[in-house]
Amino acid sequence: VFYCIRLALGAKSAGCEAMLVWSVRQSFGRALALWTWLFLISSAGMFHAAVSYLPSSGVMYLVALCWAFWAPSREQPAAA
């Protein structure tokens, strides 16, 4: 049961971060999405904090989703 919960939390985190990278690509371009993906892959939260059953992990998922849904709704382009 313990490992099933960790697997579900890891899948949830991966989905939230994938949505974030996709949103960055749609809003700011391919190069910035690649940098975002590289920083997310190399961060400690990807492997340790994402699968721990803590309130801060839930906040991390929600912040990633908020950024993912906020970025494409902006009216102005990031660069001219």
Protein backbone atom coordinates (compact mmCIF):
# COMPACT_ATOMS: atom_id res chain seq x y z
CA VAL A 1 0.00 0.00 0.00
CA PHE A 2 2.85 2.38 0.87
CA TYR A 3 4.52 1.99 -2.52
CA CYS A 4 1.19 2.26 -4.36
CA ILE A 5 0.58 5.63 -2.71
CA ARG A 6 4.06 6.79 -3.64
CA LEU A 7 3.54 5.60 -7.21
CA ALA A 8 0.26 7.50 -7.47
CA LEU A 9 1.84 10.67 -6.05
CA GLY A 10 4.76 10.36 -8.47
CA ALA A 11 2.39 9.96 -11.42
CA LYS A 12 0.39 12.97 -10.25
CA SER A 13 3.55 15.05 -9.95
CA ALA A 14 4.77 13.98 -13.39
CA GLY A 15 1.42 14.92 -14.91
CA CYS A 16 1.40 18.36 -13.27
CA GLU A 17 4.95 19.08 -14.36
CA ALA A 18 4.26 17.85 -17.89
CA MET A 19 1.33 20.26 -18.09
CA LEU A 20 3.58 23.04 -16.84
CA VAL A 21 6.24 22.37 -19.49
CA TRP A 22 3.58 22.14 -22.22
CA SER A 23 2.10 25.44 -21.07
CA VAL A 24 5.52 27.12 -21.07
CA ARG A 25 6.07 25.85 -24.61
CA GLN A 26 2.73 27.20 -25.80
CA SER A 27 3.23 30.58 -24.14
CA PHE A 28 6.93 31.30 -24.32
CA GLY A 29 8.45 29.02 -26.94
CA ARG A 30 10.32 25.79 -27.38
CA ALA A 31 13.69 26.93 -26.01
CA LEU A 32 12.30 28.09 -22.69
CA ALA A 33 10.25 24.91 -22.38
CA LEU A 34 13.43 22.87 -22.82
CA TRP A 35 15.18 24.87 -20.09
CA THR A 36 12.17 24.47 -17.81
CA TRP A 37 12.16 20.72 -18.40
CA LEU A 38 15.91 20.49 -17.68
CA PHE A 39 15.55 22.41 -14.42
CA LEU A 40 12.57 20.28 -13.34
CA ILE A 41 14.45 17.06 -14.12
CA SER A 42 17.51 18.14 -12.15
CA SER A 43 15.60 19.42 -9.11
CA ALA A 44 15.33 17.43 -5.91
CA GLY A 45 11.57 17.89 -5.82
CA MET A 46 11.16 15.67 -8.85
CA PHE A 47 12.43 12.59 -7.04
CA HIS A 48 12.06 13.14 -3.29
CA ALA A 49 9.48 15.77 -2.41
CA ALA A 50 7.01 14.75 -5.11
CA VAL A 51 6.41 11.28 -3.68
CA SER A 52 6.23 12.21 -0.01
CA TYR A 53 2.76 12.39 1.50
CA LEU A 54 3.03 15.91 2.92
CA PRO A 55 0.88 19.03 2.62
CA SER A 56 3.75 20.83 0.91
CA SER A 57 3.73 18.21 -1.85
CA GLY A 58 0.08 18.96 -2.53
CA VAL A 59 0.86 22.66 -2.65
CA MET A 60 3.70 21.93 -5.10
CA TYR A 61 1.24 20.13 -7.43
CA LEU A 62 -1.31 22.94 -7.19
CA VAL A 63 1.26 25.68 -7.83
CA ALA A 64 2.50 23.85 -10.93
CA LEU A 65 -1.10 23.50 -12.16
CA CYS A 66 -1.86 27.15 -11.42
CA TRP A 67 1.13 28.28 -13.45
CA ALA A 68 0.22 25.85 -16.22
CA PHE A 69 -3.32 27.21 -16.50
CA TRP A 70 -2.34 30.86 -16.01
CA ALA A 71 0.42 31.15 -18.62
CA PRO A 72 -1.61 30.44 -21.79
CA SER A 73 -4.39 32.81 -20.77
CA ARG A 74 -2.16 35.86 -20.90
CA GLU A 75 -3.08 38.31 -23.66
CA GLN A 76 0.33 39.86 -24.30
CA PRO A 77 3.26 38.02 -25.86
CA ALA A 78 6.36 37.44 -23.74
CA ALA A 79 8.72 38.97 -26.30
CA ALA A 80 8.16 41.17 -29.28
